[in-house]
N, C-alpha and C. Protein backbone atom coordinates (compact mmCIF):
# COMPACT_ATOMS: atom_id res chain seq x y z
N UNK A 1 13.96 -2.74 -9.71
CA UNK A 1 14.26 -1.26 -9.48
C UNK A 1 13.90 -0.81 -8.15
N UNK A 2 14.45 -0.11 -7.39
CA UNK A 2 14.36 0.58 -6.08
C UNK A 2 13.80 1.84 -6.22
N UNK A 3 13.01 2.32 -5.19
CA UNK A 3 12.52 3.52 -5.27
C UNK A 3 12.19 3.74 -3.58
N UNK A 4 12.67 5.28 -3.08
CA UNK A 4 12.19 5.50 -1.93
C UNK A 4 10.81 5.36 -1.39
N UNK A 5 10.49 4.63 -0.41
CA UNK A 5 9.00 4.41 -0.07
C UNK A 5 8.75 4.72 1.42
N UNK A 6 7.81 5.51 1.61
CA UNK A 6 7.34 5.94 2.88
C UNK A 6 6.35 4.96 3.28
N UNK A 7 6.58 4.14 4.44
CA UNK A 7 5.34 2.91 4.70
C UNK A 7 4.73 3.62 5.90
N UNK A 8 3.59 3.57 5.70
CA UNK A 8 2.87 4.19 6.91
C UNK A 8 1.66 2.85 7.32
N UNK A 9 1.25 2.83 8.53
CA UNK A 9 0.13 1.93 8.97
C UNK A 9 -1.01 2.61 9.54
N UNK A 10 -1.16 2.83 10.72
CA UNK A 10 -2.36 3.24 11.27
C UNK A 10 -2.15 4.96 11.70
N UNK A 11 -3.12 5.76 11.33
CA UNK A 11 -3.03 7.02 11.43
C UNK A 11 -4.08 7.55 12.45
N UNK A 12 -3.34 8.31 13.75
CA UNK A 12 -4.32 8.55 14.69
C UNK A 12 -4.71 10.18 14.85
N UNK A 13 -5.83 10.38 15.81
CA UNK A 13 -6.12 11.58 16.17
C UNK A 13 -5.16 12.19 17.14
N UNK A 14 -4.36 11.32 17.83
CA UNK A 14 -3.62 11.62 18.89
C UNK A 14 -2.61 12.99 18.49
N UNK A 15 -1.99 13.56 19.64
CA UNK A 15 -0.67 14.61 19.17
C UNK A 15 0.59 13.84 19.18
N UNK A 16 0.51 12.70 19.77
CA UNK A 16 1.87 12.14 19.76
C UNK A 16 2.02 10.82 19.23
N UNK A 17 3.11 10.46 18.53
CA UNK A 17 3.30 9.09 18.07
C UNK A 17 2.58 8.00 19.22
N UNK A 18 1.78 6.84 18.67
CA UNK A 18 1.50 5.89 19.93
C UNK A 18 2.01 4.49 19.36
N UNK A 19 3.20 4.16 19.67
CA UNK A 19 3.76 2.93 19.24
C UNK A 19 4.28 3.18 17.70
N UNK A 20 5.07 2.22 17.31
CA UNK A 20 5.79 2.31 15.98
C UNK A 20 4.79 2.28 14.81
N UNK A 21 3.73 1.82 14.83
CA UNK A 21 2.68 1.59 13.66
C UNK A 21 1.56 2.81 13.87
N UNK A 22 1.50 3.74 14.63
CA UNK A 22 0.44 4.51 14.68
C UNK A 22 0.99 5.93 14.85
N UNK A 23 0.92 6.88 13.64
CA UNK A 23 1.10 8.02 13.50
C UNK A 23 0.13 9.08 13.64
N UNK A 24 0.49 10.25 14.25
CA UNK A 24 -0.63 11.19 14.37
C UNK A 24 -0.90 12.03 13.01
N UNK A 25 -2.10 12.20 12.60
CA UNK A 25 -2.37 12.76 11.54
C UNK A 25 -1.73 13.97 11.11
N UNK A 26 -1.38 14.89 12.31
CA UNK A 26 -0.69 16.08 12.14
C UNK A 26 0.58 15.70 11.53
N UNK A 27 1.30 14.70 12.09
CA UNK A 27 2.55 14.52 11.48
C UNK A 27 2.76 13.85 10.15
N UNK A 28 1.58 13.29 9.51
CA UNK A 28 1.55 12.76 8.24
C UNK A 28 1.36 14.03 7.50
N UNK A 29 0.43 15.07 7.88
CA UNK A 29 0.38 16.27 7.28
C UNK A 29 1.48 17.06 7.00
N UNK A 30 2.49 17.01 7.87
CA UNK A 30 3.52 17.84 7.96
C UNK A 30 4.54 17.10 7.23
N UNK A 31 4.71 15.67 7.10
CA UNK A 31 5.44 15.04 6.23
C UNK A 31 5.37 15.43 4.84
N UNK A 32 3.92 15.27 4.52
CA UNK A 32 3.49 15.75 3.28
C UNK A 32 3.99 17.19 2.78
N UNK A 33 3.59 18.05 3.80
CA UNK A 33 4.08 19.50 3.19
C UNK A 33 5.57 19.77 2.96
N UNK A 34 6.30 19.23 3.95
CA UNK A 34 8.07 19.20 3.93
C UNK A 34 8.22 18.61 2.65
N UNK A 35 8.02 17.49 2.15
CA UNK A 35 8.18 16.67 0.91
C UNK A 35 7.91 17.86 -0.10
N UNK A 36 6.66 18.23 -0.26
CA UNK A 36 6.20 19.08 -1.10
C UNK A 36 7.21 20.26 -1.25
N UNK A 37 7.52 20.83 -0.18
CA UNK A 37 8.32 21.90 -0.15
C UNK A 37 9.66 21.77 -0.70
N UNK A 38 10.07 20.54 -0.47
CA UNK A 38 11.44 20.22 -1.00
C UNK A 38 11.35 19.71 -2.31
N UNK A 39 10.36 19.75 -3.08
CA UNK A 39 10.00 19.30 -4.74
C UNK A 39 10.28 18.00 -4.80
N UNK A 40 9.54 17.05 -3.77
CA UNK A 40 9.56 15.71 -4.10
C UNK A 40 8.44 15.44 -4.96
N UNK A 41 8.76 14.43 -5.94
CA UNK A 41 7.71 13.91 -6.88
C UNK A 41 7.25 12.72 -6.28
N UNK A 42 5.90 12.61 -6.37
CA UNK A 42 5.39 11.41 -5.52
C UNK A 42 4.86 10.41 -6.72
N UNK A 43 5.25 9.22 -6.57
CA UNK A 43 5.07 8.45 -7.59
C UNK A 43 3.86 7.45 -7.32
N UNK A 44 3.21 7.24 -8.22
CA UNK A 44 1.96 6.41 -8.23
C UNK A 44 2.26 4.83 -8.80
N UNK A 45 1.40 3.93 -8.64
CA UNK A 45 1.53 2.59 -9.00
C UNK A 45 2.04 2.49 -10.52
N UNK A 46 1.47 3.40 -11.44
CA UNK A 46 1.67 3.37 -12.74
C UNK A 46 3.17 3.69 -13.13
N UNK A 47 3.68 4.79 -12.36
CA UNK A 47 5.03 5.19 -12.48
C UNK A 47 6.12 3.90 -12.00
N UNK A 48 5.83 3.01 -11.20
CA UNK A 48 6.77 1.94 -10.63
C UNK A 48 6.39 0.80 -11.56
N UNK A 49 5.34 0.82 -12.48
CA UNK A 49 5.17 -0.42 -13.39
C UNK A 49 5.82 0.02 -14.73
N UNK A 50 5.97 1.27 -15.05
CA UNK A 50 6.54 1.59 -16.04
C UNK A 50 7.70 2.84 -16.05
N UNK A 51 8.37 2.26 -14.93
CA UNK A 51 9.64 3.17 -14.31
C UNK A 51 10.57 3.57 -15.40
N UNK A 52 10.71 2.67 -16.24
CA UNK A 52 12.02 2.88 -17.29
C UNK A 52 11.56 4.12 -18.21
N UNK A 53 10.35 4.51 -18.40
CA UNK A 53 9.84 5.72 -18.99
C UNK A 53 9.22 6.97 -18.20
N UNK A 54 9.20 6.68 -16.91
CA UNK A 54 8.87 7.83 -16.03
C UNK A 54 9.55 8.53 -15.12
N UNK A 55 10.61 7.81 -14.69
CA UNK A 55 11.56 8.19 -13.59
C UNK A 55 12.35 9.34 -13.94
N UNK A 56 12.36 10.40 -13.44
CA UNK A 56 13.38 11.57 -13.61
C UNK A 56 14.41 11.63 -12.52
N UNK A 57 15.48 11.38 -13.13
CA UNK A 57 16.80 11.02 -12.36
C UNK A 57 17.01 12.32 -11.43
N UNK A 58 16.78 13.49 -11.96
CA UNK A 58 17.34 14.70 -11.13
C UNK A 58 16.37 15.11 -9.98
N UNK A 59 15.27 14.66 -9.93
CA UNK A 59 14.16 14.95 -9.14
C UNK A 59 13.83 14.14 -7.85
N UNK A 60 13.73 14.36 -6.84
CA UNK A 60 13.61 13.50 -5.48
C UNK A 60 12.41 12.95 -5.90
N UNK A 61 12.32 11.60 -5.60
CA UNK A 61 11.13 11.00 -5.79
C UNK A 61 10.72 9.94 -4.74
N UNK A 62 9.62 9.90 -4.46
CA UNK A 62 8.97 8.96 -3.31
C UNK A 62 7.55 8.27 -3.44
N UNK A 63 7.32 7.04 -3.00
CA UNK A 63 5.99 6.72 -2.69
C UNK A 63 5.52 6.56 -1.62
N UNK A 64 4.20 6.91 -1.29
CA UNK A 64 3.79 6.98 0.18
C UNK A 64 2.85 5.73 0.00
N UNK A 65 3.08 4.71 1.00
CA UNK A 65 2.27 3.62 1.02
C UNK A 65 1.59 3.40 2.36
N UNK A 66 0.50 2.98 2.49
CA UNK A 66 -0.17 2.47 3.86
C UNK A 66 -0.34 1.12 3.67
N UNK A 67 -0.03 0.12 4.82
CA UNK A 67 -0.13 -1.46 5.09
C UNK A 67 -1.23 -1.41 5.79
N UNK A 68 -2.03 -2.54 5.51
CA UNK A 68 -3.15 -3.17 6.26
C UNK A 68 -4.58 -2.98 6.12
N UNK A 69 -4.84 -1.67 5.63
CA UNK A 69 -6.18 -1.36 5.21
C UNK A 69 -6.99 -0.99 6.46
N UNK A 70 -6.77 -0.37 7.45
CA UNK A 70 -7.39 0.12 8.66
C UNK A 70 -8.19 1.27 8.07
N UNK A 71 -9.45 1.44 8.71
CA UNK A 71 -10.21 2.41 8.61
C UNK A 71 -9.67 3.69 8.67
N UNK A 72 -8.76 4.11 9.55
CA UNK A 72 -8.10 5.27 9.83
C UNK A 72 -7.49 5.78 8.58
N UNK A 73 -7.00 4.85 7.53
CA UNK A 73 -6.40 5.32 6.32
C UNK A 73 -7.27 5.90 5.66
N UNK A 74 -8.52 5.58 5.57
CA UNK A 74 -9.73 6.28 4.71
C UNK A 74 -10.08 7.54 5.42
N UNK A 75 -10.24 7.48 6.68
CA UNK A 75 -10.83 8.64 7.41
C UNK A 75 -9.87 9.56 7.53
N UNK A 76 -8.50 9.33 7.71
CA UNK A 76 -7.54 10.34 8.22
C UNK A 76 -6.54 10.50 7.11
N UNK A 77 -5.87 9.42 6.70
CA UNK A 77 -4.95 9.73 5.54
C UNK A 77 -5.31 10.08 4.22
N UNK A 78 -6.31 9.51 3.79
CA UNK A 78 -6.72 10.02 2.51
C UNK A 78 -7.18 11.03 2.33
N UNK A 79 -7.85 11.80 3.12
CA UNK A 79 -8.32 13.24 3.17
C UNK A 79 -6.98 14.14 2.80
N UNK A 80 -6.08 14.00 3.70
CA UNK A 80 -4.59 14.45 3.45
C UNK A 80 -4.12 14.40 2.24
N UNK A 81 -3.82 13.15 1.70
CA UNK A 81 -3.32 12.97 0.33
C UNK A 81 -4.11 13.66 -0.59
N UNK A 82 -5.53 13.61 -0.49
CA UNK A 82 -6.41 14.14 -1.52
C UNK A 82 -6.51 15.75 -1.61
N UNK A 83 -6.16 16.19 -0.45
CA UNK A 83 -6.11 17.86 -0.59
C UNK A 83 -4.84 18.19 -1.17
N UNK A 84 -3.94 17.48 -1.13
CA UNK A 84 -2.37 17.59 -1.80
C UNK A 84 -2.16 17.16 -3.24
N UNK A 85 -3.38 16.28 -3.71
CA UNK A 85 -3.28 15.58 -4.88
C UNK A 85 -2.03 14.69 -5.14
N UNK A 86 -2.05 14.03 -3.81
CA UNK A 86 -0.73 12.89 -3.73
C UNK A 86 -1.24 11.46 -3.92
N UNK A 87 -0.71 10.81 -4.85
CA UNK A 87 -1.34 9.33 -5.11
C UNK A 87 -0.74 8.37 -3.82
N UNK A 88 -1.70 8.13 -3.20
CA UNK A 88 -1.17 6.76 -2.19
C UNK A 88 -1.35 5.57 -2.71
N UNK A 89 -0.81 4.64 -2.28
CA UNK A 89 -0.80 3.27 -2.55
C UNK A 89 -1.13 2.60 -1.05
N UNK A 90 -2.31 2.08 -1.19
CA UNK A 90 -3.13 1.14 -0.02
C UNK A 90 -2.80 -0.37 -0.07
N UNK A 91 -2.18 -0.90 0.76
CA UNK A 91 -1.97 -2.51 0.55
C UNK A 91 -2.85 -2.67 1.38
N UNK A 92 -3.95 -3.78 1.23
CA UNK A 92 -4.98 -4.13 2.25
C UNK A 92 -4.92 -5.68 2.48
N UNK A 93 -5.30 -5.93 3.50
CA UNK A 93 -5.39 -7.31 4.04
C UNK A 93 -6.72 -7.66 3.35
N UNK A 94 -6.89 -8.56 2.42
CA UNK A 94 -8.32 -8.84 1.79
C UNK A 94 -9.45 -9.22 2.70
N UNK A 95 -8.70 -10.16 3.51
CA UNK A 95 -9.97 -10.86 4.46
C UNK A 95 -10.35 -9.94 5.53
N UNK A 96 -9.97 -8.98 5.74
CA UNK A 96 -10.30 -8.01 6.69
C UNK A 96 -11.02 -6.79 6.24
N UNK A 97 -11.27 -6.62 4.89
CA UNK A 97 -11.98 -5.59 4.28
C UNK A 97 -13.49 -5.93 4.98
N UNK A 98 -13.85 -4.87 5.42
CA UNK A 98 -15.48 -4.92 5.97
C UNK A 98 -15.53 -5.25 7.49
N UNK A 99 -14.19 -5.78 8.01
CA UNK A 99 -14.29 -6.03 9.39
C UNK A 99 -14.38 -4.73 10.16
N UNK A 100 -14.62 -4.85 11.42
CA UNK A 100 -14.35 -3.88 12.45
C UNK A 100 -13.09 -3.27 12.48
N UNK A 101 -12.92 -1.83 12.27
CA UNK A 101 -11.35 -1.36 12.11
C UNK A 101 -10.88 -1.37 11.07
N UNK A 102 -11.39 -2.00 9.91
CA UNK A 102 -10.73 -1.72 8.49
C UNK A 102 -11.95 -1.35 7.62
N UNK A 103 -11.11 -0.96 6.46
CA UNK A 103 -12.04 -0.37 5.60
C UNK A 103 -13.11 -1.11 4.62
N UNK A 104 -14.18 -0.44 4.32
CA UNK A 104 -15.14 -1.16 3.72
C UNK A 104 -15.00 -1.12 2.05
N UNK A 105 -15.64 -1.90 1.24
CA UNK A 105 -15.34 -1.98 -0.05
C UNK A 105 -15.57 -0.54 -0.69
N UNK A 106 -16.75 0.08 -0.16
CA UNK A 106 -17.28 1.46 -0.76
C UNK A 106 -16.06 2.43 -0.29
N UNK A 107 -15.13 2.43 0.57
CA UNK A 107 -14.29 3.34 0.86
C UNK A 107 -13.21 3.06 -0.27
N UNK A 108 -12.94 1.93 -0.52
CA UNK A 108 -11.81 1.27 -1.35
C UNK A 108 -12.13 2.03 -2.71
N UNK A 109 -13.26 1.79 -3.16
CA UNK A 109 -13.85 2.32 -4.37
C UNK A 109 -13.82 3.83 -4.40
N UNK A 110 -14.23 4.61 -3.36
CA UNK A 110 -13.97 5.89 -3.55
C UNK A 110 -12.57 6.50 -3.68
N UNK A 111 -11.69 5.77 -3.15
CA UNK A 111 -10.31 5.88 -2.95
C UNK A 111 -9.73 5.87 -4.31
N UNK A 112 -10.19 4.87 -5.09
CA UNK A 112 -9.93 4.37 -6.35
C UNK A 112 -10.45 5.47 -7.35
N UNK A 113 -11.44 5.87 -7.22
CA UNK A 113 -12.03 7.03 -8.13
C UNK A 113 -11.40 8.21 -7.80
N UNK A 114 -10.79 8.51 -6.56
CA UNK A 114 -9.76 9.69 -6.39
C UNK A 114 -8.37 9.69 -6.88
N UNK A 115 -8.12 8.61 -7.36
CA UNK A 115 -6.73 8.45 -7.72
C UNK A 115 -5.85 7.61 -7.06
N UNK A 116 -6.29 7.02 -6.17
CA UNK A 116 -5.54 6.05 -5.12
C UNK A 116 -5.38 4.79 -5.58
N UNK A 117 -4.46 3.87 -5.32
CA UNK A 117 -4.34 2.62 -5.76
C UNK A 117 -4.18 1.69 -4.49
N UNK A 118 -5.08 0.79 -4.79
CA UNK A 118 -5.45 -0.25 -3.85
C UNK A 118 -4.79 -1.51 -4.35
N UNK A 119 -3.67 -2.25 -3.64
CA UNK A 119 -3.03 -3.31 -3.82
C UNK A 119 -3.07 -4.33 -2.56
N UNK A 120 -2.61 -5.24 -2.82
CA UNK A 120 -2.26 -6.59 -1.95
C UNK A 120 -1.32 -6.57 -0.90
N UNK A 121 -1.86 -6.99 0.35
CA UNK A 121 -1.10 -7.18 1.43
C UNK A 121 -1.27 -8.33 2.15
N UNK A 122 -1.79 -9.56 1.19
CA UNK A 122 -2.04 -10.85 1.30
C UNK A 122 -3.35 -10.86 1.99
N UNK A 123 -3.89 -12.28 1.95
CA UNK A 123 -5.24 -12.47 2.41
C UNK A 123 -5.47 -12.40 3.86
N UNK A 124 -4.69 -12.79 4.50
CA UNK A 124 -4.75 -12.72 6.07
C UNK A 124 -3.62 -12.29 6.90
N UNK A 125 -2.50 -11.83 6.39
CA UNK A 125 -1.54 -11.30 6.87
C UNK A 125 -0.51 -12.20 7.86
N UNK A 126 -0.32 -13.22 7.24
CA UNK A 126 0.55 -14.18 7.88
C UNK A 126 2.05 -14.19 7.58
N UNK A 127 2.75 -14.69 8.22
CA UNK A 127 4.18 -14.82 7.86
C UNK A 127 4.44 -15.92 7.05
N UNK A 128 4.55 -15.23 5.48
CA UNK A 128 4.66 -16.23 4.56
C UNK A 128 5.90 -17.12 4.55
N UNK A 129 6.86 -16.84 5.11
CA UNK A 129 8.08 -17.75 5.42
C UNK A 129 7.72 -19.04 6.21
N UNK A 130 6.63 -18.88 7.13
CA UNK A 130 6.02 -20.08 7.89
C UNK A 130 5.38 -21.05 7.26
N UNK A 131 4.74 -20.68 5.97
CA UNK A 131 3.94 -21.24 5.14
C UNK A 131 4.34 -22.03 4.36
N UNK A 132 3.82 -23.32 4.05
CA UNK A 132 4.33 -24.13 2.70
C UNK A 132 4.18 -23.30 1.61
N UNK A 133 4.72 -23.89 0.61
CA UNK A 133 4.47 -23.34 -0.72
C UNK A 133 2.94 -23.35 -1.33
N UNK A 134 2.37 -24.21 -1.14
CA UNK A 134 1.00 -24.26 -1.25
C UNK A 134 0.08 -23.18 -0.59
N UNK A 135 0.52 -22.96 0.93
CA UNK A 135 -0.44 -22.10 1.51
C UNK A 135 -0.13 -20.70 1.08
N UNK A 136 1.23 -20.41 1.08
CA UNK A 136 1.58 -19.03 0.26
C UNK A 136 0.97 -18.88 -1.09
N UNK A 137 0.82 -19.85 -1.68
CA UNK A 137 0.15 -19.67 -3.13
C UNK A 137 -1.41 -19.33 -2.87
N UNK A 138 -2.00 -19.88 -2.02
CA UNK A 138 -3.54 -19.52 -1.58
C UNK A 138 -3.34 -18.30 -0.97
N UNK A 139 -2.56 -17.70 -0.12
CA UNK A 139 -2.50 -16.38 0.36
C UNK A 139 -2.57 -15.32 -0.58
N UNK A 140 -1.78 -15.67 -1.55
CA UNK A 140 -1.30 -14.45 -2.52
C UNK A 140 -2.31 -14.55 -3.65
N UNK A 141 -2.90 -15.81 -3.90
CA UNK A 141 -4.01 -15.73 -5.23
C UNK A 141 -5.04 -15.28 -4.70
N UNK A 142 -5.54 -15.79 -3.49
CA UNK A 142 -6.77 -15.21 -2.77
C UNK A 142 -6.88 -13.87 -2.72
N UNK A 143 -5.89 -13.17 -2.33
CA UNK A 143 -6.05 -11.74 -1.80
C UNK A 143 -6.14 -10.97 -3.27
N UNK A 144 -5.31 -11.38 -4.22
CA UNK A 144 -5.21 -10.65 -5.65
C UNK A 144 -6.54 -10.87 -6.17
N UNK A 145 -7.05 -12.00 -6.35
CA UNK A 145 -8.33 -12.32 -7.19
C UNK A 145 -9.68 -11.74 -6.36
N UNK A 146 -9.67 -11.60 -4.91
CA UNK A 146 -10.64 -10.97 -4.28
C UNK A 146 -10.77 -9.47 -4.69
N UNK A 147 -9.39 -8.90 -4.66
CA UNK A 147 -9.61 -7.47 -4.73
C UNK A 147 -9.79 -7.04 -6.12
N UNK A 148 -9.30 -7.83 -6.98
CA UNK A 148 -9.57 -7.68 -8.33
C UNK A 148 -10.98 -7.69 -8.73
N UNK A 149 -11.50 -8.81 -8.32
CA UNK A 149 -13.03 -9.11 -8.47
C UNK A 149 -14.11 -8.30 -7.99
N UNK A 150 -13.69 -7.83 -6.63
CA UNK A 150 -14.53 -6.65 -5.95
C UNK A 150 -14.63 -5.35 -6.36
N UNK A 151 -13.19 -4.94 -6.74
CA UNK A 151 -13.01 -3.50 -7.19
C UNK A 151 -12.78 -3.16 -8.88
N UNK A 152 -12.81 -4.46 -9.63
CA UNK A 152 -12.73 -4.42 -11.04
C UNK A 152 -11.48 -3.49 -11.30
N UNK A 153 -10.17 -3.84 -10.58
CA UNK A 153 -8.88 -3.31 -11.04
C UNK A 153 -7.78 -4.39 -10.90
N UNK A 154 -6.65 -3.96 -11.81
CA UNK A 154 -5.73 -4.81 -11.67
C UNK A 154 -4.91 -4.79 -10.46
N UNK A 155 -4.22 -5.82 -9.89
CA UNK A 155 -3.59 -5.90 -8.64
C UNK A 155 -2.23 -6.43 -9.14
N UNK A 156 -1.35 -5.56 -9.19
CA UNK A 156 0.10 -5.66 -9.65
C UNK A 156 1.12 -5.73 -8.60
N UNK A 157 0.76 -5.33 -7.47
CA UNK A 157 1.78 -5.12 -6.56
C UNK A 157 1.34 -5.84 -5.23
N UNK A 158 2.43 -6.10 -4.51
CA UNK A 158 2.23 -6.86 -3.27
C UNK A 158 3.21 -6.25 -2.24
N UNK A 159 2.73 -6.09 -0.85
CA UNK A 159 3.36 -5.70 0.06
C UNK A 159 3.74 -6.76 1.02
N UNK A 160 4.89 -7.45 1.23
CA UNK A 160 4.98 -8.44 2.26
C UNK A 160 4.66 -8.23 3.53
N UNK A 161 3.82 -8.87 4.48
CA UNK A 161 3.44 -8.78 5.73
C UNK A 161 4.84 -8.69 6.75
N UNK A 162 5.21 -8.02 7.38
CA UNK A 162 6.35 -8.00 8.06
C UNK A 162 7.69 -7.84 7.18
N UNK A 163 7.56 -7.33 6.27
CA UNK A 163 8.79 -7.54 5.25
C UNK A 163 9.24 -8.97 5.14
N UNK A 164 8.47 -9.96 5.28
CA UNK A 164 8.82 -11.21 5.24
C UNK A 164 8.89 -11.92 4.01
N UNK A 165 10.14 -11.80 3.36
CA UNK A 165 10.35 -12.22 1.90
C UNK A 165 11.56 -13.21 1.79
N UNK A 166 11.39 -14.13 0.88
CA UNK A 166 12.76 -15.11 0.52
C UNK A 166 12.75 -15.05 -0.88
N UNK A 167 13.60 -15.76 -1.30
CA UNK A 167 13.70 -15.98 -2.88
C UNK A 167 12.49 -16.66 -3.40
N UNK A 168 12.28 -17.67 -2.47
CA UNK A 168 11.12 -18.61 -2.94
C UNK A 168 9.62 -17.63 -2.93
N UNK A 169 9.54 -16.94 -1.97
CA UNK A 169 8.38 -16.00 -1.90
C UNK A 169 8.27 -15.05 -2.96
N UNK A 170 9.34 -14.22 -3.20
CA UNK A 170 9.54 -13.40 -4.43
C UNK A 170 9.37 -13.85 -5.59
N UNK A 171 9.82 -15.04 -5.91
CA UNK A 171 9.71 -15.79 -7.20
C UNK A 171 8.09 -16.57 -7.42
N UNK A 172 7.77 -16.77 -6.11
CA UNK A 172 6.26 -17.34 -6.19
C UNK A 172 5.27 -16.12 -6.70
N UNK A 173 5.47 -15.00 -5.92
CA UNK A 173 4.72 -14.15 -6.31
C UNK A 173 4.67 -13.43 -7.65
N UNK A 174 5.80 -13.42 -8.12
CA UNK A 174 6.08 -12.76 -9.71
C UNK A 174 5.50 -13.97 -10.41
N UNK A 175 5.37 -15.30 -10.31
CA UNK A 175 4.91 -16.41 -11.07
C UNK A 175 3.15 -16.27 -10.97
N UNK A 176 2.80 -15.72 -9.94
CA UNK A 176 1.24 -15.66 -9.66
C UNK A 176 0.82 -14.39 -10.20
N UNK A 177 1.75 -13.31 -10.82
CA UNK A 177 1.20 -12.31 -11.57
C UNK A 177 1.53 -10.95 -10.66
N UNK A 178 2.08 -10.83 -9.86
CA UNK A 178 2.54 -9.76 -9.18
C UNK A 178 3.75 -9.31 -10.03
N UNK A 179 3.77 -7.86 -10.30
CA UNK A 179 4.63 -7.20 -10.93
C UNK A 179 5.90 -6.66 -9.93
N UNK A 180 5.21 -6.02 -8.94
CA UNK A 180 6.15 -5.40 -8.15
C UNK A 180 5.94 -5.97 -6.51
N UNK A 181 7.10 -6.33 -5.75
CA UNK A 181 6.72 -6.64 -4.66
C UNK A 181 7.53 -5.65 -3.72
N UNK A 182 7.26 -5.44 -2.62
CA UNK A 182 7.68 -4.36 -1.47
C UNK A 182 7.91 -4.98 -0.40
N UNK A 183 8.97 -4.81 0.25
CA UNK A 183 9.37 -5.72 1.42
C UNK A 183 9.87 -4.56 2.43
């Protein structure tokens, strides 16, 4: 099933967009306010996992997602989503959690407690199409298991780094327990 997805990466304090992956927080806030004014329904992970029973065809729907797990997702994006009661989906690179510039495990727990979802963006953010089948398996398993073990949550969704997916990668991810794959 396909849904409209807004994919963000970094959120800055700047007033203008810096590069294609860094959006000013004021613009994110305007996006959220505009969509709310248009009557958009924000989808959470539970909605997409049980889509057949929760999708309302005549209401515009969208998912707001963030890739990578940068600390600005916690300090800048999370407060905006929280203030508007919007469920965000944060795809994190599991091996980078706790490193400089990335969120900490405590940040992720706080976000979960506030209704956000934490999902996988692989262990190291490598191009999966350049890896062997076994290397891909390790990337996907390690990320899923690390997040599940550290946060005591199910990890059912995967966002592919660089949108880099093939039939082999998609099938492998599904075999390893991912239920939805974002490209």
